[in-house]
């Protein structure tokens, strides 16, 4: 890994770290946090009012014990993970992980919306 005279960080032949790269990545990180919040809200609605179950086996018991603790834990863990990846944004693996997390939560949101359509109709 080396930095050239323009400030770009080079991993082999790939330049990472332009201002535009980090602006995009910052937007992705913010949306990841929003999607996580939406996932938590939808999950609480489905579990509390429609008898659905939490798919995440690590959070399954917590969602039934305390909605507040569930949301605090969920938001804290994902926020800390996002912060960790953001601080390591010059590492291509951290960038890939942020995109993977974003698209995972995006797919989860689509599942919630699909379930909403089924419940409403």
PDB file of N, CA and C in Angstrom:
ATOM      1  N   UNK A   1       0.853  -1.159   0.000  1.00  0.00           N
ATOM      2  CA  UNK A   1       0.000   0.000   0.000  1.00  0.00           C
ATOM      3  C   UNK A   1       0.904   1.228   0.000  1.00  0.00           C
ATOM      4  N   UNK A   2       0.637   2.157  -0.930  1.00  0.00           N
ATOM      5  CA  UNK A   2       1.432   3.380  -0.982  1.00  0.00           C
ATOM      6  C   UNK A   2       0.526   4.544  -1.344  1.00  0.00           C
ATOM      7  N   UNK A   3       0.949   5.735  -0.962  1.00  0.00           N
ATOM      8  CA  UNK A   3       0.208   6.961  -1.273  1.00  0.00           C
ATOM      9  C   UNK A   3       1.027   7.749  -2.293  1.00  0.00           C
ATOM     10  N   UNK A   4       0.362   8.201  -3.359  1.00  0.00           N
ATOM     11  CA  UNK A   4       1.096   8.976  -4.362  1.00  0.00           C
ATOM     12  C   UNK A   4       1.039  10.470  -4.041  1.00  0.00           C
ATOM     13  N   UNK A   5       1.580  11.284  -4.931  1.00  0.00           N
ATOM     14  CA  UNK A   5       1.659  12.729  -4.690  1.00  0.00           C
ATOM     15  C   UNK A   5       0.297  13.411  -4.669  1.00  0.00           C
ATOM     16  N   UNK A   6      -0.739  12.790  -5.244  1.00  0.00           N
ATOM     17  CA  UNK A   6      -2.088  13.370  -5.234  1.00  0.00           C
ATOM     18  C   UNK A   6      -2.871  12.990  -3.991  1.00  0.00           C
ATOM     19  N   UNK A   7      -2.301  12.108  -3.167  1.00  0.00           N
ATOM     20  CA  UNK A   7      -2.994  11.672  -1.959  1.00  0.00           C
ATOM     21  C   UNK A   7      -3.757  10.373  -2.117  1.00  0.00           C
ATOM     22  N   UNK A   8      -3.792   9.829  -3.333  1.00  0.00           N
ATOM     23  CA  UNK A   8      -4.481   8.557  -3.543  1.00  0.00           C
ATOM     24  C   UNK A   8      -3.720   7.423  -2.871  1.00  0.00           C
ATOM     25  N   UNK A   9      -4.459   6.479  -2.353  1.00  0.00           N
ATOM     26  CA  UNK A   9      -3.862   5.297  -1.746  1.00  0.00           C
ATOM     27  C   UNK A   9      -3.946   4.182  -2.780  1.00  0.00           C
ATOM     28  N   UNK A  10      -2.821   3.554  -3.055  1.00  0.00           N
ATOM     29  CA  UNK A  10      -2.758   2.510  -4.071  1.00  0.00           C
ATOM     30  C   UNK A  10      -2.580   1.152  -3.409  1.00  0.00           C
ATOM     31  N   UNK A  11      -3.484   0.237  -3.738  1.00  0.00           N
ATOM     32  CA  UNK A  11      -3.377  -1.165  -3.336  1.00  0.00           C
ATOM     33  C   UNK A  11      -3.092  -1.928  -4.626  1.00  0.00           C
ATOM     34  N   UNK A  12      -1.840  -2.239  -4.846  1.00  0.00           N
ATOM     35  CA  UNK A  12      -1.468  -2.861  -6.118  1.00  0.00           C
ATOM     36  C   UNK A  12      -1.682  -1.871  -7.241  1.00  0.00           C
ATOM     37  N   UNK A  13      -2.599  -2.173  -8.151  1.00  0.00           N
ATOM     38  CA  UNK A  13      -2.887  -1.298  -9.294  1.00  0.00           C
ATOM     39  C   UNK A  13      -4.171  -0.489  -9.109  1.00  0.00           C
ATOM     40  N   UNK A  14      -4.830  -0.613  -7.961  1.00  0.00           N
ATOM     41  CA  UNK A  14      -6.126   0.024  -7.742  1.00  0.00           C
ATOM     42  C   UNK A  14      -5.967   1.232  -6.832  1.00  0.00           C
ATOM     43  N   UNK A  15      -6.457   2.376  -7.300  1.00  0.00           N
ATOM     44  CA  UNK A  15      -6.437   3.599  -6.485  1.00  0.00           C
ATOM     45  C   UNK A  15      -7.699   3.662  -5.641  1.00  0.00           C
ATOM     46  N   UNK A  16      -7.516   3.907  -4.373  1.00  0.00           N
ATOM     47  CA  UNK A  16      -8.633   4.010  -3.441  1.00  0.00           C
ATOM     48  C   UNK A  16      -8.492   5.322  -2.702  1.00  0.00           C
ATOM     49  N   UNK A  17      -9.596   6.022  -2.538  1.00  0.00           N
ATOM     50  CA  UNK A  17      -9.553   7.164  -1.668  1.00  0.00           C
ATOM     51  C   UNK A  17      -9.670   8.531  -2.291  1.00  0.00           C
ATOM     52  N   UNK A  18     -10.253   8.638  -3.475  1.00  0.00           N
ATOM     53  CA  UNK A  18     -10.481   9.979  -4.010  1.00  0.00           C
ATOM     54  C   UNK A  18     -11.618  10.626  -3.227  1.00  0.00           C
ATOM     55  N   UNK A  19     -11.714  11.924  -3.315  1.00  0.00           N
ATOM     56  CA  UNK A  19     -12.788  12.649  -2.619  1.00  0.00           C
ATOM     57  C   UNK A  19     -14.159  12.125  -3.068  1.00  0.00           C
ATOM     58  N   UNK A  20     -14.308  11.879  -4.360  1.00  0.00           N
ATOM     59  CA  UNK A  20     -15.576  11.362  -4.877  1.00  0.00           C
ATOM     60  C   UNK A  20     -15.857   9.958  -4.345  1.00  0.00           C
ATOM     61  N   UNK A  21     -14.849   9.107  -4.251  1.00  0.00           N
ATOM     62  CA  UNK A  21     -15.030   7.766  -3.679  1.00  0.00           C
ATOM     63  C   UNK A  21     -15.584   7.872  -2.266  1.00  0.00           C
ATOM     64  N   UNK A  22     -14.964   8.732  -1.457  1.00  0.00           N
ATOM     65  CA  UNK A  22     -15.365   8.831  -0.060  1.00  0.00           C
ATOM     66  C   UNK A  22     -16.725   9.503   0.102  1.00  0.00           C
ATOM     67  N   UNK A  23     -17.103  10.391  -0.813  1.00  0.00           N
ATOM     68  CA  UNK A  23     -18.448  10.970  -0.750  1.00  0.00           C
ATOM     69  C   UNK A  23     -19.501   9.901  -1.013  1.00  0.00           C
ATOM     70  N   UNK A  24     -19.255   9.079  -2.015  1.00  0.00           N
ATOM     71  CA  UNK A  24     -20.169   7.967  -2.300  1.00  0.00           C
ATOM     72  C   UNK A  24     -20.237   7.003  -1.117  1.00  0.00           C
ATOM     73  N   UNK A  25     -19.086   6.671  -0.593  1.00  0.00           N
ATOM     74  CA  UNK A  25     -19.030   5.720   0.511  1.00  0.00           C
ATOM     75  C   UNK A  25     -19.709   6.275   1.756  1.00  0.00           C
ATOM     76  N   UNK A  26     -19.563   7.573   1.984  1.00  0.00           N
ATOM     77  CA  UNK A  26     -20.226   8.212   3.115  1.00  0.00           C
ATOM     78  C   UNK A  26     -21.742   8.113   2.975  1.00  0.00           C
ATOM     79  N   UNK A  27     -22.243   8.325   1.775  1.00  0.00           N
ATOM     80  CA  UNK A  27     -23.675   8.204   1.518  1.00  0.00           C
ATOM     81  C   UNK A  27     -24.145   6.775   1.738  1.00  0.00           C
ATOM     82  N   UNK A  28     -23.380   5.815   1.261  1.00  0.00           N
ATOM     83  CA  UNK A  28     -23.723   4.402   1.459  1.00  0.00           C
ATOM     84  C   UNK A  28     -23.764   4.069   2.952  1.00  0.00           C
ATOM     85  N   UNK A  29     -22.778   4.547   3.717  1.00  0.00           N
ATOM     86  CA  UNK A  29     -22.732   4.285   5.156  1.00  0.00           C
ATOM     87  C   UNK A  29     -23.937   4.888   5.866  1.00  0.00           C
ATOM     88  N   UNK A  30     -24.320   6.095   5.492  1.00  0.00           N
ATOM     89  CA  UNK A  30     -25.495   6.731   6.113  1.00  0.00           C
ATOM     90  C   UNK A  30     -26.770   5.962   5.790  1.00  0.00           C
ATOM     91  N   UNK A  31     -26.911   5.546   4.543  1.00  0.00           N
ATOM     92  CA  UNK A  31     -28.097   4.777   4.160  1.00  0.00           C
ATOM     93  C   UNK A  31     -28.126   3.413   4.844  1.00  0.00           C
ATOM     94  N   UNK A  32     -26.968   2.850   5.086  1.00  0.00           N
ATOM     95  CA  UNK A  32     -26.899   1.587   5.824  1.00  0.00           C
ATOM     96  C   UNK A  32     -27.521   1.758   7.204  1.00  0.00           C
ATOM     97  N   UNK A  33     -27.209   2.851   7.875  1.00  0.00           N
ATOM     98  CA  UNK A  33     -27.770   3.110   9.203  1.00  0.00           C
ATOM     99  C   UNK A  33     -29.284   3.335   9.138  1.00  0.00           C
ATOM    100  N   UNK A  34     -29.741   4.026   8.098  1.00  0.00           N
ATOM    101  CA  UNK A  34     -31.179   4.245   7.929  1.00  0.00           C
ATOM    102  C   UNK A  34     -31.892   2.923   7.664  1.00  0.00           C
ATOM    103  N   UNK A  35     -31.322   2.106   6.799  1.00  0.00           N
ATOM    104  CA  UNK A  35     -31.929   0.802   6.492  1.00  0.00           C
ATOM    105  C   UNK A  35     -31.973  -0.095   7.718  1.00  0.00           C
ATOM    106  N   UNK A  36     -30.943  -0.027   8.553  1.00  0.00           N
ATOM    107  CA  UNK A  36     -30.940  -0.799   9.791  1.00  0.00           C
ATOM    108  C   UNK A  36     -32.069  -0.344  10.706  1.00  0.00           C
ATOM    109  N   UNK A  37     -32.265   0.957  10.822  1.00  0.00           N
ATOM    110  CA  UNK A  37     -33.356   1.488  11.641  1.00  0.00           C
ATOM    111  C   UNK A  37     -34.709   1.021  11.109  1.00  0.00           C
ATOM    112  N   UNK A  38     -34.892   1.104   9.791  1.00  0.00           N
ATOM    113  CA  UNK A  38     -36.148   0.650   9.186  1.00  0.00           C
ATOM    114  C   UNK A  38     -36.371  -0.839   9.427  1.00  0.00           C
ATOM    115  N   UNK A  39     -35.316  -1.623   9.316  1.00  0.00           N
ATOM    116  CA  UNK A  39     -35.419  -3.060   9.583  1.00  0.00           C
ATOM    117  C   UNK A  39     -35.884  -3.296  11.018  1.00  0.00           C
ATOM    118  N   UNK A  40     -35.319  -2.566  11.949  1.00  0.00           N
ATOM    119  CA  UNK A  40     -35.725  -2.725  13.344  1.00  0.00           C
ATOM    120  C   UNK A  40     -37.177  -2.359  13.573  1.00  0.00           C
ATOM    121  N   UNK A  41     -37.618  -1.248  12.997  1.00  0.00           N
ATOM    122  CA  UNK A  41     -39.010  -0.810  13.162  1.00  0.00           C
ATOM    123  C   UNK A  41     -39.964  -1.823  12.538  1.00  0.00           C
ATOM    124  N   UNK A  42     -39.689  -2.221  11.301  1.00  0.00           N
ATOM    125  CA  UNK A  42     -40.544  -3.222  10.657  1.00  0.00           C
ATOM    126  C   UNK A  42     -40.560  -4.527  11.453  1.00  0.00           C
ATOM    127  N   UNK A  43     -39.411  -4.953  11.917  1.00  0.00           N
ATOM    128  CA  UNK A  43     -39.353  -6.196  12.688  1.00  0.00           C
ATOM    129  C   UNK A  43     -40.228  -6.109  13.926  1.00  0.00           C
ATOM    130  N   UNK A  44     -40.129  -5.006  14.648  1.00  0.00           N
ATOM    131  CA  UNK A  44     -40.967  -4.850  15.847  1.00  0.00           C
ATOM    132  C   UNK A  44     -42.450  -4.857  15.503  1.00  0.00           C
ATOM    133  N   UNK A  45     -42.823  -4.208  14.422  1.00  0.00           N
ATOM    134  CA  UNK A  45     -44.232  -4.192  14.009  1.00  0.00           C
ATOM    135  C   UNK A  45     -44.706  -5.601  13.690  1.00  0.00           C
ATOM    136  N   UNK A  46     -43.917  -6.339  12.899  1.00  0.00           N
ATOM    137  CA  UNK A  46     -44.340  -7.688  12.490  1.00  0.00           C
ATOM    138  C   UNK A  46     -44.394  -8.631  13.678  1.00  0.00           C
ATOM    139  N   UNK A  47     -43.411  -8.536  14.557  1.00  0.00           N
ATOM    140  CA  UNK A  47     -43.369  -9.440  15.712  1.00  0.00           C
ATOM    141  C   UNK A  47     -44.492  -9.114  16.693  1.00  0.00           C
ATOM    142  N   UNK A  48     -44.672  -7.828  16.999  1.00  0.00           N
ATOM    143  CA  UNK A  48     -45.657  -7.422  18.013  1.00  0.00           C
ATOM    144  C   UNK A  48     -47.096  -7.562  17.537  1.00  0.00           C
ATOM    145  N   UNK A  49     -47.375  -7.236  16.285  1.00  0.00           N
ATOM    146  CA  UNK A  49     -48.758  -7.147  15.835  1.00  0.00           C
ATOM    147  C   UNK A  49     -49.206  -8.247  14.876  1.00  0.00           C
ATOM    148  N   UNK A  50     -48.258  -8.947  14.285  1.00  0.00           N
ATOM    149  CA  UNK A  50     -48.647  -9.939  13.281  1.00  0.00           C
ATOM    150  C   UNK A  50     -48.062 -11.315  13.533  1.00  0.00           C
ATOM    151  N   UNK A  51     -47.421 -11.507  14.678  1.00  0.00           N
ATOM    152  CA  UNK A  51     -46.928 -12.824  15.060  1.00  0.00           C
ATOM    153  C   UNK A  51     -45.765 -13.346  14.233  1.00  0.00           C
ATOM    154  N   UNK A  52     -45.067 -12.474  13.559  1.00  0.00           N
ATOM    155  CA  UNK A  52     -43.904 -12.915  12.784  1.00  0.00           C
ATOM    156  C   UNK A  52     -42.747 -13.225  13.726  1.00  0.00           C
ATOM    157  N   UNK A  53     -41.747 -13.881  13.209  1.00  0.00           N
ATOM    158  CA  UNK A  53     -40.564 -14.202  14.002  1.00  0.00           C
ATOM    159  C   UNK A  53     -39.339 -13.487  13.483  1.00  0.00           C
ATOM    160  N   UNK A  54     -38.404 -13.238  14.352  1.00  0.00           N
ATOM    161  CA  UNK A  54     -37.127 -12.623  13.969  1.00  0.00           C
ATOM    162  C   UNK A  54     -36.266 -13.687  13.308  1.00  0.00           C
ATOM    163  N   UNK A  55     -35.703 -13.385  12.153  1.00  0.00           N
ATOM    164  CA  UNK A  55     -34.883 -14.356  11.415  1.00  0.00           C
ATOM    165  C   UNK A  55     -33.449 -14.421  11.925  1.00  0.00           C
ATOM    166  N   UNK A  56     -32.988 -13.356  12.549  1.00  0.00           N
ATOM    167  CA  UNK A  56     -31.626 -13.325  13.075  1.00  0.00           C
ATOM    168  C   UNK A  56     -31.604 -14.103  14.386  1.00  0.00           C
ATOM    169  N   UNK A  57     -30.949 -15.243  14.384  1.00  0.00           N
ATOM    170  CA  UNK A  57     -30.976 -16.110  15.558  1.00  0.00           C
ATOM    171  C   UNK A  57     -30.329 -15.463  16.783  1.00  0.00           C
ATOM    172  N   UNK A  58     -29.427 -14.508  16.594  1.00  0.00           N
ATOM    173  CA  UNK A  58     -28.790 -13.853  17.740  1.00  0.00           C
ATOM    174  C   UNK A  58     -29.720 -12.830  18.400  1.00  0.00           C
ATOM    175  N   UNK A  59     -30.683 -12.322  17.656  1.00  0.00           N
ATOM    176  CA  UNK A  59     -31.595 -11.307  18.183  1.00  0.00           C
ATOM    177  C   UNK A  59     -32.987 -11.864  18.464  1.00  0.00           C
ATOM    178  N   UNK A  60     -33.218 -13.124  18.135  1.00  0.00           N
ATOM    179  CA  UNK A  60     -34.544 -13.734  18.217  1.00  0.00           C
ATOM    180  C   UNK A  60     -35.150 -13.632  19.611  1.00  0.00           C
ATOM    181  N   UNK A  61     -34.401 -13.992  20.632  1.00  0.00           N
ATOM    182  CA  UNK A  61     -34.945 -13.946  21.991  1.00  0.00           C
ATOM    183  C   UNK A  61     -35.108 -12.513  22.482  1.00  0.00           C
ATOM    184  N   UNK A  62     -34.182 -11.661  22.105  1.00  0.00           N
ATOM    185  CA  UNK A  62     -34.191 -10.280  22.577  1.00  0.00           C
ATOM    186  C   UNK A  62     -35.410  -9.512  22.078  1.00  0.00           C
ATOM    187  N   UNK A  63     -35.847  -9.753  20.862  1.00  0.00           N
ATOM    188  CA  UNK A  63     -36.991  -9.032  20.320  1.00  0.00           C
ATOM    189  C   UNK A  63     -38.262  -9.349  21.102  1.00  0.00           C
ATOM    190  N   UNK A  64     -38.343 -10.538  21.680  1.00  0.00           N
ATOM    191  CA  UNK A  64     -39.517 -10.919  22.466  1.00  0.00           C
ATOM    192  C   UNK A  64     -39.416 -10.457  23.911  1.00  0.00           C
ATOM    193  N   UNK A  65     -38.214 -10.251  24.409  1.00  0.00           N
ATOM    194  CA  UNK A  65     -38.029  -9.833  25.798  1.00  0.00           C
ATOM    195  C   UNK A  65     -38.240  -8.337  25.971  1.00  0.00           C
ATOM    196  N   UNK A  66     -37.622  -7.524  25.127  1.00  0.00           N
ATOM    197  CA  UNK A  66     -37.675  -6.073  25.286  1.00  0.00           C
ATOM    198  C   UNK A  66     -37.464  -5.388  23.944  1.00  0.00           C
ATOM    199  N   UNK A  67     -38.500  -4.678  23.499  1.00  0.00           N
ATOM    200  CA  UNK A  67     -38.393  -3.960  22.227  1.00  0.00           C
ATOM    201  C   UNK A  67     -37.311  -2.882  22.305  1.00  0.00           C
ATOM    202  N   UNK A  68     -37.244  -2.195  23.438  1.00  0.00           N
ATOM    203  CA  UNK A  68     -36.254  -1.135  23.594  1.00  0.00           C
ATOM    204  C   UNK A  68     -34.836  -1.690  23.562  1.00  0.00           C
ATOM    205  N   UNK A  69     -34.604  -2.756  24.304  1.00  0.00           N
ATOM    206  CA  UNK A  69     -33.276  -3.370  24.325  1.00  0.00           C
ATOM    207  C   UNK A  69     -32.916  -3.944  22.950  1.00  0.00           C
ATOM    208  N   UNK A  70     -33.906  -4.509  22.273  1.00  0.00           N
ATOM    209  CA  UNK A  70     -33.692  -5.015  20.914  1.00  0.00           C
ATOM    210  C   UNK A  70     -33.204  -3.899  19.994  1.00  0.00           C
ATOM    211  N   UNK A  71     -33.924  -2.764  19.999  1.00  0.00           N
ATOM    212  CA  UNK A  71     -33.550  -1.658  19.120  1.00  0.00           C
ATOM    213  C   UNK A  71     -32.200  -1.061  19.506  1.00  0.00           C
ATOM    214  N   UNK A  72     -31.965  -0.894  20.797  1.00  0.00           N
ATOM    215  CA  UNK A  72     -30.679  -0.344  21.244  1.00  0.00           C
ATOM    216  C   UNK A  72     -29.520  -1.241  20.824  1.00  0.00           C
ATOM    217  N   UNK A  73     -29.689  -2.540  21.000  1.00  0.00           N
ATOM    218  CA  UNK A  73     -28.643  -3.487  20.630  1.00  0.00           C
ATOM    219  C   UNK A  73     -28.415  -3.479  19.127  1.00  0.00           C
ATOM    220  N   UNK A  74     -29.500  -3.546  18.379  1.00  0.00           N
ATOM    221  CA  UNK A  74     -29.416  -3.576  16.914  1.00  0.00           C
ATOM    222  C   UNK A  74     -28.741  -2.318  16.370  1.00  0.00           C
ATOM    223  N   UNK A  75     -29.207  -1.156  16.836  1.00  0.00           N
ATOM    224  CA  UNK A  75     -28.652   0.105  16.343  1.00  0.00           C
ATOM    225  C   UNK A  75     -27.200   0.280  16.769  1.00  0.00           C
ATOM    226  N   UNK A  76     -26.886  -0.121  17.993  1.00  0.00           N
ATOM    227  CA  UNK A  76     -25.515   0.015  18.480  1.00  0.00           C
ATOM    228  C   UNK A  76     -24.552  -0.874  17.711  1.00  0.00           C
ATOM    229  N   UNK A  77     -24.896  -2.138  17.531  1.00  0.00           N
ATOM    230  CA  UNK A  77     -23.990  -3.066  16.855  1.00  0.00           C
ATOM    231  C   UNK A  77     -23.738  -2.673  15.398  1.00  0.00           C
ATOM    232  N   UNK A  78     -24.793  -2.320  14.695  1.00  0.00           N
ATOM    233  CA  UNK A  78     -24.613  -1.953  13.289  1.00  0.00           C
ATOM    234  C   UNK A  78     -23.888  -0.611  13.175  1.00  0.00           C
ATOM    235  N   UNK A  79     -24.185   0.317  14.074  1.00  0.00           N
ATOM    236  CA  UNK A  79     -23.482   1.606  14.052  1.00  0.00           C
ATOM    237  C   UNK A  79     -21.997   1.428  14.326  1.00  0.00           C
ATOM    238  N   UNK A  80     -21.664   0.600  15.307  1.00  0.00           N
ATOM    239  CA  UNK A  80     -20.248   0.350  15.605  1.00  0.00           C
ATOM    240  C   UNK A  80     -19.544  -0.345  14.440  1.00  0.00           C
ATOM    241  N   UNK A  81     -20.226  -1.303  13.829  1.00  0.00           N
ATOM    242  CA  UNK A  81     -19.651  -1.981  12.663  1.00  0.00           C
ATOM    243  C   UNK A  81     -19.440  -1.024  11.506  1.00  0.00           C
ATOM    244  N   UNK A  82     -20.413  -0.153  11.280  1.00  0.00           N
ATOM    245  CA  UNK A  82     -20.294   0.830  10.206  1.00  0.00           C
ATOM    246  C   UNK A  82     -19.165   1.808  10.498  1.00  0.00           C
ATOM    247  N   UNK A  83     -19.063   2.241  11.745  1.00  0.00           N
ATOM    248  CA  UNK A  83     -17.980   3.146  12.140  1.00  0.00           C
ATOM    249  C   UNK A  83     -16.617   2.489  11.930  1.00  0.00           C
ATOM    250  N   UNK A  84     -16.505   1.235  12.312  1.00  0.00           N
ATOM    251  CA  UNK A  84     -15.253   0.495  12.116  1.00  0.00           C
ATOM    252  C   UNK A  84     -14.881   0.438  10.635  1.00  0.00           C
ATOM    253  N   UNK A  85     -15.850   0.099   9.795  1.00  0.00           N
ATOM    254  CA  UNK A  85     -15.582   0.017   8.362  1.00  0.00           C
ATOM    255  C   UNK A  85     -15.273   1.398   7.781  1.00  0.00           C
ATOM    256  N   UNK A  86     -15.970   2.420   8.260  1.00  0.00           N
ATOM    257  CA  UNK A  86     -15.716   3.780   7.764  1.00  0.00           C
ATOM    258  C   UNK A  86     -14.303   4.221   8.122  1.00  0.00           C
ATOM    259  N   UNK A  87     -13.873   3.931   9.329  1.00  0.00           N
ATOM    260  CA  UNK A  87     -12.521   4.327   9.743  1.00  0.00           C
ATOM    261  C   UNK A  87     -11.443   3.585   8.961  1.00  0.00           C
ATOM    262  N   UNK A  88     -11.792   2.439   8.411  1.00  0.00           N
ATOM    263  CA  UNK A  88     -10.846   1.657   7.606  1.00  0.00           C
ATOM    264  C   UNK A  88     -11.166   1.752   6.119  1.00  0.00           C
ATOM    265  N   UNK A  89     -11.788   2.859   5.715  1.00  0.00           N
ATOM    266  CA  UNK A  89     -12.265   3.017   4.341  1.00  0.00           C
ATOM    267  C   UNK A  89     -11.167   3.019   3.289  1.00  0.00           C
ATOM    268  N   UNK A  90      -9.924   3.206   3.689  1.00  0.00           N
ATOM    269  CA  UNK A  90      -8.850   3.143   2.700  1.00  0.00           C
ATOM    270  C   UNK A  90      -8.494   1.702   2.353  1.00  0.00           C
ATOM    271  N   UNK A  91      -9.033   0.753   3.088  1.00  0.00           N
ATOM    272  CA  UNK A  91      -8.832  -0.663   2.812  1.00  0.00           C
ATOM    273  C   UNK A  91      -9.949  -1.149   1.886  1.00  0.00           C
ATOM    274  N   UNK A  92      -9.618  -1.686   0.730  1.00  0.00           N
ATOM    275  CA  UNK A  92     -10.657  -2.138  -0.203  1.00  0.00           C
ATOM    276  C   UNK A  92     -11.611  -3.166   0.401  1.00  0.00           C
ATOM    277  N   UNK A  93     -11.138  -3.994   1.315  1.00  0.00           N
ATOM    278  CA  UNK A  93     -12.007  -4.987   1.941  1.00  0.00           C
ATOM    279  C   UNK A  93     -13.091  -4.311   2.785  1.00  0.00           C
ATOM    280  N   UNK A  94     -12.750  -3.225   3.462  1.00  0.00           N
ATOM    281  CA  UNK A  94     -13.740  -2.485   4.244  1.00  0.00           C
ATOM    282  C   UNK A  94     -14.787  -1.858   3.330  1.00  0.00           C
ATOM    283  N   UNK A  95     -14.359  -1.384   2.173  1.00  0.00           N
ATOM    284  CA  UNK A  95     -15.290  -0.797   1.204  1.00  0.00           C
ATOM    285  C   UNK A  95     -16.255  -1.870   0.699  1.00  0.00           C
ATOM    286  N   UNK A  96     -15.725  -3.017   0.369  1.00  0.00           N
ATOM    287  CA  UNK A  96     -16.569  -4.123  -0.092  1.00  0.00           C
ATOM    288  C   UNK A  96     -17.543  -4.527   1.008  1.00  0.00           C
ATOM    289  N   UNK A  97     -17.083  -4.583   2.237  1.00  0.00           N
ATOM    290  CA  UNK A  97     -17.947  -4.948   3.362  1.00  0.00           C
ATOM    291  C   UNK A  97     -19.077  -3.933   3.546  1.00  0.00           C
ATOM    292  N   UNK A  98     -18.782  -2.643   3.396  1.00  0.00           N
ATOM    293  CA  UNK A  98     -19.837  -1.621   3.500  1.00  0.00           C
ATOM    294  C   UNK A  98     -20.884  -1.809   2.408  1.00  0.00           C
ATOM    295  N   UNK A  99     -20.441  -2.044   1.185  1.00  0.00           N
ATOM    296  CA  UNK A  99     -21.389  -2.265   0.096  1.00  0.00           C
ATOM    297  C   UNK A  99     -22.200  -3.541   0.332  1.00  0.00           C
ATOM    298  N   UNK A 100     -21.554  -4.597   0.801  1.00  0.00           N
ATOM    299  CA  UNK A 100     -22.258  -5.847   1.077  1.00  0.00           C
ATOM    300  C   UNK A 100     -23.322  -5.638   2.152  1.00  0.00           C
ATOM    301  N   UNK A 101     -22.969  -4.933   3.222  1.00  0.00           N
ATOM    302  CA  UNK A 101     -23.925  -4.664   4.301  1.00  0.00           C
ATOM    303  C   UNK A 101     -25.090  -3.819   3.788  1.00  0.00           C
ATOM    304  N   UNK A 102     -24.771  -2.796   2.990  1.00  0.00           N
ATOM    305  CA  UNK A 102     -25.825  -1.942   2.434  1.00  0.00           C
ATOM    306  C   UNK A 102     -26.799  -2.767   1.591  1.00  0.00           C
ATOM    307  N   UNK A 103     -26.281  -3.563   0.668  1.00  0.00           N
ATOM    308  CA  UNK A 103     -27.164  -4.344  -0.200  1.00  0.00           C
ATOM    309  C   UNK A 103     -27.916  -5.418   0.580  1.00  0.00           C
ATOM    310  N   UNK A 104     -27.316  -5.961   1.618  1.00  0.00           N
ATOM    311  CA  UNK A 104     -28.022  -6.926   2.460  1.00  0.00           C
ATOM    312  C   UNK A 104     -29.223  -6.277   3.133  1.00  0.00           C
ATOM    313  N   UNK A 105     -29.024  -5.112   3.719  1.00  0.00           N
ATOM    314  CA  UNK A 105     -30.134  -4.414   4.362  1.00  0.00           C
ATOM    315  C   UNK A 105     -31.153  -3.921   3.338  1.00  0.00           C
ATOM    316  N   UNK A 106     -30.696  -3.575   2.149  1.00  0.00           N
ATOM    317  CA  UNK A 106     -31.630  -3.188   1.096  1.00  0.00           C
ATOM    318  C   UNK A 106     -32.538  -4.364   0.738  1.00  0.00           C
ATOM    319  N   UNK A 107     -31.963  -5.553   0.624  1.00  0.00           N
ATOM    320  CA  UNK A 107     -32.768  -6.740   0.336  1.00  0.00           C
ATOM    321  C   UNK A 107     -33.727  -7.044   1.483  1.00  0.00           C
ATOM    322  N   UNK A 108     -33.269  -6.853   2.715  1.00  0.00           N
ATOM    323  CA  UNK A 108     -34.144  -7.050   3.879  1.00  0.00           C
ATOM    324  C   UNK A 108     -35.314  -6.072   3.821  1.00  0.00           C
ATOM    325  N   UNK A 109     -35.044  -4.819   3.444  1.00  0.00           N
ATOM    326  CA  UNK A 109     -36.127  -3.844   3.311  1.00  0.00           C
ATOM    327  C   UNK A 109     -37.130  -4.286   2.252  1.00  0.00           C
ATOM    328  N   UNK A 110     -36.654  -4.819   1.141  1.00  0.00           N
ATOM    329  CA  UNK A 110     -37.568  -5.316   0.106  1.00  0.00           C
ATOM    330  C   UNK A 110     -38.434  -6.451   0.635  1.00  0.00           C
ATOM    331  N   UNK A 111     -37.869  -7.310   1.449  1.00  0.00           N
ATOM    332  CA  UNK A 111     -38.647  -8.397   2.059  1.00  0.00           C
ATOM    333  C   UNK A 111     -39.717  -7.822   2.983  1.00  0.00           C
ATOM    334  N   UNK A 112     -39.343  -6.819   3.783  1.00  0.00           N
ATOM    335  CA  UNK A 112     -40.328  -6.166   4.650  1.00  0.00           C
ATOM    336  C   UNK A 112     -41.450  -5.539   3.826  1.00  0.00           C
ATOM    337  N   UNK A 113     -41.104  -4.895   2.727  1.00  0.00           N
ATOM    338  CA  UNK A 113     -42.124  -4.266   1.891  1.00  0.00           C
ATOM    339  C   UNK A 113     -43.030  -5.303   1.237  1.00  0.00           C
ATOM    340  N   UNK A 114     -42.450  -6.425   0.847  1.00  0.00           N
ATOM    341  CA  UNK A 114     -43.239  -7.516   0.283  1.00  0.00           C
ATOM    342  C   UNK A 114     -44.218  -8.044   1.345  1.00  0.00           C
ATOM    343  N   UNK A 115     -43.742  -8.231   2.546  1.00  0.00           N
ATOM    344  CA  UNK A 115     -44.592  -8.703   3.641  1.00  0.00           C
ATOM    345  C   UNK A 115     -45.689  -7.680   3.927  1.00  0.00           C
ATOM    346  N   UNK A 116     -45.349  -6.396   3.849  1.00  0.00           N
ATOM    347  CA  UNK A 116     -46.338  -5.339   4.060  1.00  0.00           C
ATOM    348  C   UNK A 116     -47.450  -5.446   3.025  1.00  0.00           C
ATOM    349  N   UNK A 117     -47.075  -5.661   1.788  1.00  0.00           N
ATOM    350  CA  UNK A 117     -48.084  -5.783   0.730  1.00  0.00           C
ATOM    351  C   UNK A 117     -48.989  -6.978   0.978  1.00  0.00           C
ATOM    352  N   UNK A 118     -48.435  -8.064   1.450  1.00  0.00           N
ATOM    353  CA  UNK A 118     -49.243  -9.260   1.725  1.00  0.00           C
ATOM    354  C   UNK A 118     -50.200  -8.996   2.877  1.00  0.00           C
ATOM    355  N   UNK A 119     -49.710  -8.359   3.937  1.00  0.00           N
ATOM    356  CA  UNK A 119     -50.529  -8.103   5.124  1.00  0.00           C
ATOM    357  C   UNK A 119     -51.638  -7.102   4.809  1.00  0.00           C
ATOM    358  N   UNK A 120     -51.303  -6.057   4.053  1.00  0.00           N
ATOM    359  CA  UNK A 120     -52.277  -5.002   3.758  1.00  0.00           C
ATOM    360  C   UNK A 120     -53.349  -5.502   2.788  1.00  0.00           C
ATOM    361  N   UNK A 121     -52.932  -6.291   1.822  1.00  0.00           N
ATOM    362  CA  UNK A 121     -53.901  -6.799   0.849  1.00  0.00           C
ATOM    363  C   UNK A 121     -54.553  -8.035   1.398  1.00  0.00           C
TER     364      UNK A 121
END
